Amino acid sequence: MTEREQVVNRQLRALDDAHRLGQITRGEYRARRRRALETLHDPSAVVTARKALVPPTATTTPRARTAQRHAADDTSAAGRQALTSLLAMRPAARRGAILAIVLGVFLIVALAYWALRG
């Protein structure tokens, strides 16, 4: 591990402790963590097949990064986005199958009641 990585690890540990103890907010924690990790990125490094994962700063424009940071800080928008994506992932066929099972059970109970009553 290089000296630069050791320094970043110490910074991240201190940052983690501050967040866990409630001294900083989640948004501030994320922003400071992002800045600490960005210092590890070497812009002169050549991207090869072995180094296919590049930090998000290398693939987005500054304007898009700013918009992402503002969206990440807004917890209500992030919560709505997470809920929307979870609801979108549910297959519609499962809903139809559940409805068919519930109707089938209802019909069986109704027929059993009718047969035992009469």
PDB file of N, CA and C in Angstrom:
ATOM      1  N   MET A   1       0.858  -1.166   0.000  1.00  0.00           N
ATOM      2  CA  MET A   1       0.000   0.000   0.000  1.00  0.00           C
ATOM      3  C   MET A   1       0.906   1.231   0.000  1.00  0.00           C
ATOM      4  N   THR A   2       0.595   2.175  -0.863  1.00  0.00           N
ATOM      5  CA  THR A   2       1.413   3.377  -0.956  1.00  0.00           C
ATOM      6  C   THR A   2       1.118   4.317   0.202  1.00  0.00           C
ATOM      7  N   GLU A   3       1.999   5.278   0.353  1.00  0.00           N
ATOM      8  CA  GLU A   3       1.810   6.249   1.436  1.00  0.00           C
ATOM      9  C   GLU A   3       0.550   7.075   1.217  1.00  0.00           C
ATOM     10  N   ARG A   4       0.270   7.389  -0.039  1.00  0.00           N
ATOM     11  CA  ARG A   4      -0.937   8.164  -0.348  1.00  0.00           C
ATOM     12  C   ARG A   4      -2.193   7.378   0.033  1.00  0.00           C
ATOM     13  N   GLU A   5      -2.200   6.060  -0.225  1.00  0.00           N
ATOM     14  CA  GLU A   5      -3.339   5.235   0.144  1.00  0.00           C
ATOM     15  C   GLU A   5      -3.493   5.142   1.658  1.00  0.00           C
ATOM     16  N   GLN A   6      -2.381   5.084   2.374  1.00  0.00           N
ATOM     17  CA  GLN A   6      -2.435   5.043   3.837  1.00  0.00           C
ATOM     18  C   GLN A   6      -3.027   6.331   4.396  1.00  0.00           C
ATOM     19  N   VAL A   7      -2.641   7.470   3.803  1.00  0.00           N
ATOM     20  CA  VAL A   7      -3.193   8.752   4.254  1.00  0.00           C
ATOM     21  C   VAL A   7      -4.696   8.785   4.017  1.00  0.00           C
ATOM     22  N   VAL A   8      -5.140   8.326   2.846  1.00  0.00           N
ATOM     23  CA  VAL A   8      -6.574   8.325   2.535  1.00  0.00           C
ATOM     24  C   VAL A   8      -7.311   7.381   3.475  1.00  0.00           C
ATOM     25  N   ASN A   9      -6.710   6.225   3.790  1.00  0.00           N
ATOM     26  CA  ASN A   9      -7.350   5.298   4.728  1.00  0.00           C
ATOM     27  C   ASN A   9      -7.519   5.937   6.102  1.00  0.00           C
ATOM     28  N   ARG A  10      -6.522   6.658   6.562  1.00  0.00           N
ATOM     29  CA  ARG A  10      -6.652   7.352   7.860  1.00  0.00           C
ATOM     30  C   ARG A  10      -7.749   8.407   7.796  1.00  0.00           C
ATOM     31  N   GLN A  11      -7.814   9.143   6.691  1.00  0.00           N
ATOM     32  CA  GLN A  11      -8.867  10.149   6.529  1.00  0.00           C
ATOM     33  C   GLN A  11     -10.244   9.497   6.536  1.00  0.00           C
ATOM     34  N   LEU A  12     -10.369   8.382   5.847  1.00  0.00           N
ATOM     35  CA  LEU A  12     -11.665   7.697   5.784  1.00  0.00           C
ATOM     36  C   LEU A  12     -12.070   7.141   7.144  1.00  0.00           C
ATOM     37  N   ARG A  13     -11.109   6.629   7.905  1.00  0.00           N
ATOM     38  CA  ARG A  13     -11.438   6.140   9.248  1.00  0.00           C
ATOM     39  C   ARG A  13     -11.921   7.284  10.142  1.00  0.00           C
ATOM     40  N   ALA A  14     -11.239   8.423  10.082  1.00  0.00           N
ATOM     41  CA  ALA A  14     -11.652   9.576  10.885  1.00  0.00           C
ATOM     42  C   ALA A  14     -13.025  10.071  10.444  1.00  0.00           C
ATOM     43  N   LEU A  15     -13.241  10.081   9.144  1.00  0.00           N
ATOM     44  CA  LEU A  15     -14.529  10.509   8.608  1.00  0.00           C
ATOM     45  C   LEU A  15     -15.635   9.559   9.038  1.00  0.00           C
ATOM     46  N   ASP A  16     -15.362   8.256   9.012  1.00  0.00           N
ATOM     47  CA  ASP A  16     -16.337   7.261   9.448  1.00  0.00           C
ATOM     48  C   ASP A  16     -16.692   7.450  10.924  1.00  0.00           C
ATOM     49  N   ASP A  17     -15.683   7.688  11.742  1.00  0.00           N
ATOM     50  CA  ASP A  17     -15.936   7.913  13.172  1.00  0.00           C
ATOM     51  C   ASP A  17     -16.799   9.155  13.387  1.00  0.00           C
ATOM     52  N   ALA A  18     -16.497  10.224  12.654  1.00  0.00           N
ATOM     53  CA  ALA A  18     -17.269  11.459  12.807  1.00  0.00           C
ATOM     54  C   ALA A  18     -18.719  11.237  12.396  1.00  0.00           C
ATOM     55  N   HIS A  19     -18.941  10.489  11.326  1.00  0.00           N
ATOM     56  CA  HIS A  19     -20.318  10.235  10.880  1.00  0.00           C
ATOM     57  C   HIS A  19     -21.043   9.327  11.865  1.00  0.00           C
ATOM     58  N   ARG A  20     -20.361   8.292  12.340  1.00  0.00           N
ATOM     59  CA  ARG A  20     -20.987   7.361  13.272  1.00  0.00           C
ATOM     60  C   ARG A  20     -21.362   8.049  14.579  1.00  0.00           C
ATOM     61  N   LEU A  21     -20.553   9.011  15.007  1.00  0.00           N
ATOM     62  CA  LEU A  21     -20.828   9.730  16.250  1.00  0.00           C
ATOM     63  C   LEU A  21     -21.803  10.893  16.060  1.00  0.00           C
ATOM     64  N   GLY A  22     -22.271  11.094  14.823  1.00  0.00           N
ATOM     65  CA  GLY A  22     -23.263  12.127  14.558  1.00  0.00           C
ATOM     66  C   GLY A  22     -22.698  13.522  14.469  1.00  0.00           C
ATOM     67  N   GLN A  23     -21.405  13.655  14.245  1.00  0.00           N
ATOM     68  CA  GLN A  23     -20.785  14.973  14.169  1.00  0.00           C
ATOM     69  C   GLN A  23     -20.962  15.621  12.803  1.00  0.00           C
ATOM     70  N   ILE A  24     -21.237  14.812  11.764  1.00  0.00           N
ATOM     71  CA  ILE A  24     -21.466  15.343  10.425  1.00  0.00           C
ATOM     72  C   ILE A  24     -22.684  14.652   9.824  1.00  0.00           C
ATOM     73  N   THR A  25     -23.302  15.315   8.869  1.00  0.00           N
ATOM     74  CA  THR A  25     -24.493  14.766   8.219  1.00  0.00           C
ATOM     75  C   THR A  25     -24.087  13.751   7.151  1.00  0.00           C
ATOM     76  N   ARG A  26     -25.071  13.004   6.671  1.00  0.00           N
ATOM     77  CA  ARG A  26     -24.798  12.000   5.656  1.00  0.00           C
ATOM     78  C   ARG A  26     -24.328  12.648   4.355  1.00  0.00           C
ATOM     79  N   GLY A  27     -24.933  13.759   3.984  1.00  0.00           N
ATOM     80  CA  GLY A  27     -24.519  14.443   2.759  1.00  0.00           C
ATOM     81  C   GLY A  27     -23.093  14.946   2.846  1.00  0.00           C
ATOM     82  N   GLU A  28     -22.752  15.528   3.996  1.00  0.00           N
ATOM     83  CA  GLU A  28     -21.375  16.006   4.180  1.00  0.00           C
ATOM     84  C   GLU A  28     -20.403  14.836   4.196  1.00  0.00           C
ATOM     85  N   TYR A  29     -20.792  13.725   4.828  1.00  0.00           N
ATOM     86  CA  TYR A  29     -19.955  12.521   4.855  1.00  0.00           C
ATOM     87  C   TYR A  29     -19.679  12.029   3.441  1.00  0.00           C
ATOM     88  N   ARG A  30     -20.720  11.955   2.627  1.00  0.00           N
ATOM     89  CA  ARG A  30     -20.555  11.465   1.264  1.00  0.00           C
ATOM     90  C   ARG A  30     -19.669  12.397   0.439  1.00  0.00           C
ATOM     91  N   ALA A  31     -19.881  13.698   0.593  1.00  0.00           N
ATOM     92  CA  ALA A  31     -19.076  14.651  -0.177  1.00  0.00           C
ATOM     93  C   ALA A  31     -17.607  14.579   0.232  1.00  0.00           C
ATOM     94  N   ARG A  32     -17.331  14.529   1.517  1.00  0.00           N
ATOM     95  CA  ARG A  32     -15.948  14.469   1.984  1.00  0.00           C
ATOM     96  C   ARG A  32     -15.303  13.128   1.620  1.00  0.00           C
ATOM     97  N   ARG A  33     -16.070  12.055   1.670  1.00  0.00           N
ATOM     98  CA  ARG A  33     -15.543  10.743   1.286  1.00  0.00           C
ATOM     99  C   ARG A  33     -15.201  10.729  -0.201  1.00  0.00           C
ATOM    100  N   ARG A  34     -16.087  11.325  -1.015  1.00  0.00           N
ATOM    101  CA  ARG A  34     -15.847  11.393  -2.448  1.00  0.00           C
ATOM    102  C   ARG A  34     -14.569  12.177  -2.747  1.00  0.00           C
ATOM    103  N   ARG A  35     -14.392  13.316  -2.044  1.00  0.00           N
ATOM    104  CA  ARG A  35     -13.180  14.122  -2.259  1.00  0.00           C
ATOM    105  C   ARG A  35     -11.926  13.359  -1.850  1.00  0.00           C
ATOM    106  N   ALA A  36     -12.000  12.616  -0.743  1.00  0.00           N
ATOM    107  CA  ALA A  36     -10.835  11.852  -0.290  1.00  0.00           C
ATOM    108  C   ALA A  36     -10.482  10.758  -1.290  1.00  0.00           C
ATOM    109  N   LEU A  37     -11.489  10.088  -1.817  1.00  0.00           N
ATOM    110  CA  LEU A  37     -11.228   9.014  -2.769  1.00  0.00           C
ATOM    111  C   LEU A  37     -10.761   9.544  -4.124  1.00  0.00           C
ATOM    112  N   GLU A  38     -11.197  10.756  -4.481  1.00  0.00           N
ATOM    113  CA  GLU A  38     -10.774  11.345  -5.751  1.00  0.00           C
ATOM    114  C   GLU A  38      -9.284  11.645  -5.748  1.00  0.00           C
ATOM    115  N   THR A  39      -8.688  11.846  -4.579  1.00  0.00           N
ATOM    116  CA  THR A  39      -7.255  12.131  -4.531  1.00  0.00           C
ATOM    117  C   THR A  39      -6.434  10.906  -4.930  1.00  0.00           C
ATOM    118  N   LEU A  40      -7.020   9.719  -4.865  1.00  0.00           N
ATOM    119  CA  LEU A  40      -6.306   8.519  -5.268  1.00  0.00           C
ATOM    120  C   LEU A  40      -6.225   8.358  -6.783  1.00  0.00           C
ATOM    121  N   HIS A  41      -7.104   9.034  -7.501  1.00  0.00           N
ATOM    122  CA  HIS A  41      -7.143   8.895  -8.958  1.00  0.00           C
ATOM    123  C   HIS A  41      -5.938   9.585  -9.578  1.00  0.00           C
ATOM    124  N   ASP A  42      -5.216   8.837 -10.404  1.00  0.00           N
ATOM    125  CA  ASP A  42      -4.056   9.379 -11.109  1.00  0.00           C
ATOM    126  C   ASP A  42      -4.477   9.673 -12.541  1.00  0.00           C
ATOM    127  N   PRO A  43      -4.619  10.951 -12.924  1.00  0.00           N
ATOM    128  CA  PRO A  43      -5.101  11.260 -14.270  1.00  0.00           C
ATOM    129  C   PRO A  43      -4.136  10.831 -15.367  1.00  0.00           C
ATOM    130  N   SER A  44      -2.871  10.608 -15.040  1.00  0.00           N
ATOM    131  CA  SER A  44      -1.914  10.201 -16.070  1.00  0.00           C
ATOM    132  C   SER A  44      -1.913   8.697 -16.287  1.00  0.00           C
ATOM    133  N   ALA A  45      -2.690   7.965 -15.476  1.00  0.00           N
ATOM    134  CA  ALA A  45      -2.720   6.507 -15.604  1.00  0.00           C
ATOM    135  C   ALA A  45      -3.405   6.105 -16.901  1.00  0.00           C
ATOM    136  N   VAL A  46      -2.888   5.083 -17.517  1.00  0.00           N
ATOM    137  CA  VAL A  46      -3.450   4.578 -18.761  1.00  0.00           C
ATOM    138  C   VAL A  46      -4.536   3.562 -18.417  1.00  0.00           C
ATOM    139  N   VAL A  47      -5.704   3.703 -19.054  1.00  0.00           N
ATOM    140  CA  VAL A  47      -6.797   2.767 -18.812  1.00  0.00           C
ATOM    141  C   VAL A  47      -6.589   1.555 -19.705  1.00  0.00           C
ATOM    142  N   THR A  48      -6.427   0.395 -19.088  1.00  0.00           N
ATOM    143  CA  THR A  48      -6.263  -0.853 -19.828  1.00  0.00           C
ATOM    144  C   THR A  48      -7.398  -1.781 -19.447  1.00  0.00           C
ATOM    145  N   ALA A  49      -7.376  -2.980 -19.974  1.00  0.00           N
ATOM    146  CA  ALA A  49      -8.417  -3.948 -19.647  1.00  0.00           C
ATOM    147  C   ALA A  49      -8.382  -4.288 -18.166  1.00  0.00           C
ATOM    148  N   ARG A  50      -7.196  -4.280 -17.563  1.00  0.00           N
ATOM    149  CA  ARG A  50      -7.088  -4.578 -16.137  1.00  0.00           C
ATOM    150  C   ARG A  50      -7.563  -3.404 -15.292  1.00  0.00           C
ATOM    151  N   LYS A  51      -7.520  -2.198 -15.841  1.00  0.00           N
ATOM    152  CA  LYS A  51      -7.951  -1.011 -15.107  1.00  0.00           C
ATOM    153  C   LYS A  51      -9.211  -0.445 -15.766  1.00  0.00           C
ATOM    154  N   ALA A  52     -10.162  -1.314 -16.025  1.00  0.00           N
ATOM    155  CA  ALA A  52     -11.355  -0.903 -16.750  1.00  0.00           C
ATOM    156  C   ALA A  52     -12.274  -0.029 -15.912  1.00  0.00           C
ATOM    157  N   LEU A  53     -12.223  -0.155 -14.594  1.00  0.00           N
ATOM    158  CA  LEU A  53     -13.081   0.650 -13.733  1.00  0.00           C
ATOM    159  C   LEU A  53     -12.420   1.997 -13.489  1.00  0.00           C
ATOM    160  N   VAL A  54     -13.049   3.049 -13.976  1.00  0.00           N
ATOM    161  CA  VAL A  54     -12.524   4.394 -13.775  1.00  0.00           C
ATOM    162  C   VAL A  54     -13.452   5.131 -12.835  1.00  0.00           C
ATOM    163  N   PRO A  55     -12.945   6.074 -12.074  1.00  0.00           N
ATOM    164  CA  PRO A  55     -13.818   6.817 -11.168  1.00  0.00           C
ATOM    165  C   PRO A  55     -14.842   7.621 -11.952  1.00  0.00           C
ATOM    166  N   PRO A  56     -15.999   7.908 -11.331  1.00  0.00           N
ATOM    167  CA  PRO A  56     -17.061   8.624 -12.041  1.00  0.00           C
ATOM    168  C   PRO A  56     -16.639  10.009 -12.513  1.00  0.00           C
ATOM    169  N   THR A  57     -15.633  10.608 -11.886  1.00  0.00           N
ATOM    170  CA  THR A  57     -15.204  11.942 -12.307  1.00  0.00           C
ATOM    171  C   THR A  57     -14.589  11.916 -13.691  1.00  0.00           C
ATOM    172  N   ALA A  58     -14.052  10.775 -14.096  1.00  0.00           N
ATOM    173  CA  ALA A  58     -13.417  10.687 -15.400  1.00  0.00           C
ATOM    174  C   ALA A  58     -14.425  10.490 -16.520  1.00  0.00           C
ATOM    175  N   THR A  59     -15.645  10.091 -16.203  1.00  0.00           N
ATOM    176  CA  THR A  59     -16.624   9.785 -17.243  1.00  0.00           C
ATOM    177  C   THR A  59     -17.770  10.777 -17.313  1.00  0.00           C
ATOM    178  N   THR A  60     -17.868  11.706 -16.383  1.00  0.00           N
ATOM    179  CA  THR A  60     -18.970  12.669 -16.402  1.00  0.00           C
ATOM    180  C   THR A  60     -18.431  14.079 -16.525  1.00  0.00           C
ATOM    181  N   THR A  61     -19.283  14.950 -16.994  1.00  0.00           N
ATOM    182  CA  THR A  61     -18.900  16.352 -17.102  1.00  0.00           C
ATOM    183  C   THR A  61     -19.050  17.025 -15.742  1.00  0.00           C
ATOM    184  N   PRO A  62     -18.379  18.151 -15.516  1.00  0.00           N
ATOM    185  CA  PRO A  62     -18.515  18.832 -14.219  1.00  0.00           C
ATOM    186  C   PRO A  62     -19.950  19.214 -13.909  1.00  0.00           C
ATOM    187  N   ARG A  63     -20.710  19.609 -14.930  1.00  0.00           N
ATOM    188  CA  ARG A  63     -22.097  19.990 -14.698  1.00  0.00           C
ATOM    189  C   ARG A  63     -22.921  18.791 -14.244  1.00  0.00           C
ATOM    190  N   ALA A  64     -22.689  17.628 -14.834  1.00  0.00           N
ATOM    191  CA  ALA A  64     -23.421  16.434 -14.441  1.00  0.00           C
ATOM    192  C   ALA A  64     -23.034  16.012 -13.032  1.00  0.00           C
ATOM    193  N   ARG A  65     -21.750  16.143 -12.664  1.00  0.00           N
ATOM    194  CA  ARG A  65     -21.329  15.800 -11.311  1.00  0.00           C
ATOM    195  C   ARG A  65     -22.009  16.696 -10.296  1.00  0.00           C
ATOM    196  N   THR A  66     -22.117  17.990 -10.594  1.00  0.00           N
ATOM    197  CA  THR A  66     -22.783  18.912  -9.672  1.00  0.00           C
ATOM    198  C   THR A  66     -24.239  18.531  -9.502  1.00  0.00           C
ATOM    199  N   ALA A  67     -24.908  18.177 -10.591  1.00  0.00           N
ATOM    200  CA  ALA A  67     -26.313  17.769 -10.505  1.00  0.00           C
ATOM    201  C   ALA A  67     -26.446  16.481  -9.707  1.00  0.00           C
ATOM    202  N   GLN A  68     -25.502  15.558  -9.877  1.00  0.00           N
ATOM    203  CA  GLN A  68     -25.550  14.311  -9.121  1.00  0.00           C
ATOM    204  C   GLN A  68     -25.365  14.580  -7.641  1.00  0.00           C
ATOM    205  N   ARG A  69     -24.464  15.484  -7.293  1.00  0.00           N
ATOM    206  CA  ARG A  69     -24.235  15.793  -5.883  1.00  0.00           C
ATOM    207  C   ARG A  69     -25.463  16.436  -5.258  1.00  0.00           C
ATOM    208  N   HIS A  70     -26.108  17.360  -5.997  1.00  0.00           N
ATOM    209  CA  HIS A  70     -27.315  17.985  -5.459  1.00  0.00           C
ATOM    210  C   HIS A  70     -28.426  16.960  -5.292  1.00  0.00           C
ATOM    211  N   ALA A  71     -28.546  16.042  -6.241  1.00  0.00           N
ATOM    212  CA  ALA A  71     -29.577  15.010  -6.140  1.00  0.00           C
ATOM    213  C   ALA A  71     -29.285  14.060  -4.991  1.00  0.00           C
ATOM    214  N   ALA A  72     -28.008  13.758  -4.761  1.00  0.00           N
ATOM    215  CA  ALA A  72     -27.652  12.852  -3.668  1.00  0.00           C
ATOM    216  C   ALA A  72     -27.906  13.499  -2.318  1.00  0.00           C
ATOM    217  N   ASP A  73     -27.737  14.817  -2.236  1.00  0.00           N
ATOM    218  CA  ASP A  73     -27.970  15.502  -0.972  1.00  0.00           C
ATOM    219  C   ASP A  73     -29.453  15.616  -0.642  1.00  0.00           C
ATOM    220  N   ASP A  74     -30.300  15.611  -1.636  1.00  0.00           N
ATOM    221  CA  ASP A  74     -31.731  15.718  -1.409  1.00  0.00           C
ATOM    222  C   ASP A  74     -32.281  14.323  -1.122  1.00  0.00           C
ATOM    223  N   THR A  75     -32.450  14.018   0.156  1.00  0.00           N
ATOM    224  CA  THR A  75     -32.851  12.656   0.532  1.00  0.00           C
ATOM    225  C   THR A  75     -34.265  12.332   0.098  1.00  0.00           C
ATOM    226  N   SER A  76     -35.149  13.321   0.062  1.00  0.00           N
ATOM    227  CA  SER A  76     -36.511  13.021  -0.348  1.00  0.00           C
ATOM    228  C   SER A  76     -36.566  12.642  -1.819  1.00  0.00           C
ATOM    229  N   ALA A  77     -35.796  13.318  -2.653  1.00  0.00           N
ATOM    230  CA  ALA A  77     -35.760  12.973  -4.073  1.00  0.00           C
ATOM    231  C   ALA A  77     -35.122  11.611  -4.263  1.00  0.00           C
ATOM    232  N   ALA A  78     -34.080  11.325  -3.498  1.00  0.00           N
ATOM    233  CA  ALA A  78     -33.428  10.016  -3.602  1.00  0.00           C
ATOM    234  C   ALA A  78     -34.375   8.917  -3.138  1.00  0.00           C
ATOM    235  N   GLY A  79     -35.149   9.181  -2.097  1.00  0.00           N
ATOM    236  CA  GLY A  79     -36.111   8.194  -1.614  1.00  0.00           C
ATOM    237  C   GLY A  79     -37.198   7.922  -2.628  1.00  0.00           C
ATOM    238  N   ARG A  80     -37.694   8.992  -3.257  1.00  0.00           N
ATOM    239  CA  ARG A  80     -38.718   8.813  -4.289  1.00  0.00           C
ATOM    240  C   ARG A  80     -38.164   8.032  -5.471  1.00  0.00           C
ATOM    241  N   GLN A  81     -36.928   8.345  -5.863  1.00  0.00           N
ATOM    242  CA  GLN A  81     -36.313   7.647  -6.985  1.00  0.00           C
ATOM    243  C   GLN A  81     -36.115   6.168  -6.656  1.00  0.00           C
ATOM    244  N   ALA A  82     -35.695   5.863  -5.440  1.00  0.00           N
ATOM    245  CA  ALA A  82     -35.491   4.465  -5.043  1.00  0.00           C
ATOM    246  C   ALA A  82     -36.808   3.713  -5.037  1.00  0.00           C
ATOM    247  N   LEU A  83     -37.871   4.347  -4.500  1.00  0.00           N
ATOM    248  CA  LEU A  83     -39.178   3.697  -4.473  1.00  0.00           C
ATOM    249  C   LEU A  83     -39.705   3.458  -5.877  1.00  0.00           C
ATOM    250  N   THR A  84     -39.543   4.450  -6.754  1.00  0.00           N
ATOM    251  CA  THR A  84     -40.000   4.304  -8.136  1.00  0.00           C
ATOM    252  C   THR A  84     -39.268   3.175  -8.829  1.00  0.00           C
ATOM    253  N   SER A  85     -37.955   3.078  -8.621  1.00  0.00           N
ATOM    254  CA  SER A  85     -37.210   2.010  -9.284  1.00  0.00           C
ATOM    255  C   SER A  85     -37.583   0.650  -8.718  1.00  0.00           C
ATOM    256  N   LEU A  86     -37.856   0.564  -7.414  1.00  0.00           N
ATOM    257  CA  LEU A  86     -38.274  -0.715  -6.842  1.00  0.00           C
ATOM    258  C   LEU A  86     -39.632  -1.141  -7.373  1.00  0.00           C
ATOM    259  N   LEU A  87     -40.562  -0.185  -7.482  1.00  0.00           N
ATOM    260  CA  LEU A  87     -41.883  -0.520  -8.000  1.00  0.00           C
ATOM    261  C   LEU A  87     -41.824  -0.892  -9.467  1.00  0.00           C
ATOM    262  N   ALA A  88     -40.917  -0.274 -10.204  1.00  0.00           N
ATOM    263  CA  ALA A  88     -40.797  -0.582 -11.625  1.00  0.00           C
ATOM    264  C   ALA A  88     -40.203  -1.964 -11.841  1.00  0.00           C
ATOM    265  N   MET A  89     -39.431  -2.461 -10.886  1.00  0.00           N
ATOM    266  CA  MET A  89     -38.795  -3.763 -11.030  1.00  0.00           C
ATOM    267  C   MET A  89     -39.761  -4.911 -10.790  1.00  0.00           C
ATOM    268  N   ARG A  90     -40.909  -4.644 -10.133  1.00  0.00           N
ATOM    269  CA  ARG A  90     -41.873  -5.723  -9.875  1.00  0.00           C
ATOM    270  C   ARG A  90     -42.510  -6.158 -11.178  1.00  0.00           C
ATOM    271  N   PRO A  91     -42.530  -7.432 -11.454  1.00  0.00           N
ATOM    272  CA  PRO A  91     -43.174  -7.889 -12.693  1.00  0.00           C
ATOM    273  C   PRO A  91     -44.692  -7.826 -12.568  1.00  0.00           C
ATOM    274  N   ALA A  92     -45.343  -7.395 -13.636  1.00  0.00           N
ATOM    275  CA  ALA A  92     -46.801  -7.293 -13.636  1.00  0.00           C
ATOM    276  C   ALA A  92     -47.446  -8.672 -13.644  1.00  0.00           C
ATOM    277  N   ALA A  93     -46.774  -9.664 -14.197  1.00  0.00           N
ATOM    278  CA  ALA A  93     -47.335 -11.017 -14.250  1.00  0.00           C
ATOM    279  C   ALA A  93     -47.527 -11.586 -12.848  1.00  0.00           C
ATOM    280  N   ARG A  94     -46.641 -11.245 -11.933  1.00  0.00           N
ATOM    281  CA  ARG A  94     -46.760 -11.743 -10.568  1.00  0.00           C
ATOM    282  C   ARG A  94     -48.053 -11.209  -9.931  1.00  0.00           C
ATOM    283  N   ARG A  95     -48.377  -9.966 -10.198  1.00  0.00           N
ATOM    284  CA  ARG A  95     -49.597  -9.378  -9.653  1.00  0.00           C
ATOM    285  C   ARG A  95     -50.824 -10.112 -10.165  1.00  0.00           C
ATOM    286  N   GLY A  96     -50.834 -10.458 -11.454  1.00  0.00           N
ATOM    287  CA  GLY A  96     -51.951 -11.190 -12.038  1.00  0.00           C
ATOM    288  C   GLY A  96     -52.065 -12.598 -11.464  1.00  0.00           C
ATOM    289  N   ALA A  97     -50.935 -13.255 -11.226  1.00  0.00           N
ATOM    290  CA  ALA A  97     -50.951 -14.600 -10.656  1.00  0.00           C
ATOM    291  C   ALA A  97     -51.496 -14.572  -9.229  1.00  0.00           C
ATOM    292  N   ILE A  98     -51.093 -13.594  -8.465  1.00  0.00           N
ATOM    293  CA  ILE A  98     -51.588 -13.474  -7.088  1.00  0.00           C
ATOM    294  C   ILE A  98     -53.087 -13.217  -7.084  1.00  0.00           C
ATOM    295  N   LEU A  99     -53.541 -12.362  -7.979  1.00  0.00           N
ATOM    296  CA  LEU A  99     -54.976 -12.080  -8.077  1.00  0.00           C
ATOM    297  C   LEU A  99     -55.745 -13.345  -8.453  1.00  0.00           C
ATOM    298  N   ALA A 100     -55.226 -14.139  -9.365  1.00  0.00           N
ATOM    299  CA  ALA A 100     -55.897 -15.387  -9.765  1.00  0.00           C
ATOM    300  C   ALA A 100     -55.957 -16.368  -8.601  1.00  0.00           C
ATOM    301  N   ILE A 101     -54.896 -16.473  -7.823  1.00  0.00           N
ATOM    302  CA  ILE A 101     -54.886 -17.373  -6.664  1.00  0.00           C
ATOM    303  C   ILE A 101     -55.899 -16.924  -5.626  1.00  0.00           C
ATOM    304  N   VAL A 102     -55.951 -15.629  -5.347  1.00  0.00           N
ATOM    305  CA  VAL A 102     -56.904 -15.108  -4.356  1.00  0.00           C
ATOM    306  C   VAL A 102     -58.334 -15.362  -4.823  1.00  0.00           C
ATOM    307  N   LEU A 103     -58.623 -15.123  -6.097  1.00  0.00           N
ATOM    308  CA  LEU A 103     -59.965 -15.377  -6.609  1.00  0.00           C
ATOM    309  C   LEU A 103     -60.307 -16.864  -6.565  1.00  0.00           C
ATOM    310  N   GLY A 104     -59.323 -17.721  -6.860  1.00  0.00           N
ATOM    311  CA  GLY A 104     -59.541 -19.162  -6.799  1.00  0.00           C
ATOM    312  C   GLY A 104     -59.873 -19.619  -5.391  1.00  0.00           C
ATOM    313  N   VAL A 105     -59.131 -19.129  -4.410  1.00  0.00           N
ATOM    314  CA  VAL A 105     -59.398 -19.471  -3.006  1.00  0.00           C
ATOM    315  C   VAL A 105     -60.787 -18.984  -2.603  1.00  0.00           C
ATOM    316  N   PHE A 106     -61.132 -17.779  -3.011  1.00  0.00           N
ATOM    317  CA  PHE A 106     -62.446 -17.234  -2.695  1.00  0.00           C
ATOM    318  C   PHE A 106     -63.555 -18.112  -3.279  1.00  0.00           C
ATOM    319  N   LEU A 107     -63.394 -18.537  -4.532  1.00  0.00           N
ATOM    320  CA  LEU A 107     -64.398 -19.381  -5.159  1.00  0.00           C
ATOM    321  C   LEU A 107     -64.506 -20.744  -4.471  1.00  0.00           C
ATOM    322  N   ILE A 108     -63.386 -21.324  -4.079  1.00  0.00           N
ATOM    323  CA  ILE A 108     -63.418 -22.613  -3.375  1.00  0.00           C
ATOM    324  C   ILE A 108     -64.133 -22.481  -2.040  1.00  0.00           C
ATOM    325  N   VAL A 109     -63.851 -21.419  -1.305  1.00  0.00           N
ATOM    326  CA  VAL A 109     -64.524 -21.199  -0.026  1.00  0.00           C
ATOM    327  C   VAL A 109     -66.013 -20.993  -0.233  1.00  0.00           C
ATOM    328  N   ALA A 110     -66.384 -20.215  -1.264  1.00  0.00           N
ATOM    329  CA  ALA A 110     -67.797 -19.976  -1.551  1.00  0.00           C
ATOM    330  C   ALA A 110     -68.512 -21.288  -1.941  1.00  0.00           C
ATOM    331  N   LEU A 111     -67.859 -22.113  -2.769  1.00  0.00           N
ATOM    332  CA  LEU A 111     -68.466 -23.391  -3.151  1.00  0.00           C
ATOM    333  C   LEU A 111     -68.587 -24.337  -1.956  1.00  0.00           C
ATOM    334  N   ALA A 112     -67.599 -24.364  -1.094  1.00  0.00           N
ATOM    335  CA  ALA A 112     -67.637 -25.220   0.092  1.00  0.00           C
ATOM    336  C   ALA A 112     -68.769 -24.757   1.025  1.00  0.00           C
ATOM    337  N   TYR A 113     -68.919 -23.461   1.191  1.00  0.00           N
ATOM    338  CA  TYR A 113     -69.996 -22.931   2.036  1.00  0.00           C
ATOM    339  C   TYR A 113     -71.361 -23.298   1.451  1.00  0.00           C
ATOM    340  N   TRP A 114     -71.489 -23.147   0.112  1.00  0.00           N
ATOM    341  CA  TRP A 114     -72.748 -23.438  -0.552  1.00  0.00           C
ATOM    342  C   TRP A 114     -73.077 -24.938  -0.461  1.00  0.00           C
ATOM    343  N   ALA A 115     -72.047 -25.802  -0.615  1.00  0.00           N
ATOM    344  CA  ALA A 115     -72.262 -27.247  -0.570  1.00  0.00           C
ATOM    345  C   ALA A 115     -72.617 -27.705   0.844  1.00  0.00           C
ATOM    346  N   LEU A 116     -71.974 -27.162   1.850  1.00  0.00           N
ATOM    347  CA  LEU A 116     -72.240 -27.565   3.238  1.00  0.00           C
ATOM    348  C   LEU A 116     -73.544 -26.985   3.762  1.00  0.00           C
ATOM    349  N   ARG A 117     -73.960 -25.900   3.257  1.00  0.00           N
ATOM    350  CA  ARG A 117     -75.191 -25.243   3.708  1.00  0.00           C
ATOM    351  C   ARG A 117     -76.419 -25.936   3.125  1.00  0.00           C
ATOM    352  N   GLY A 118     -76.302 -26.381   1.899  1.00  0.00           N
ATOM    353  CA  GLY A 118     -77.464 -26.930   1.202  1.00  0.00           C
ATOM    354  C   GLY A 118     -77.609 -28.374   1.307  1.00  0.00           C
TER     355      GLY A 118
END
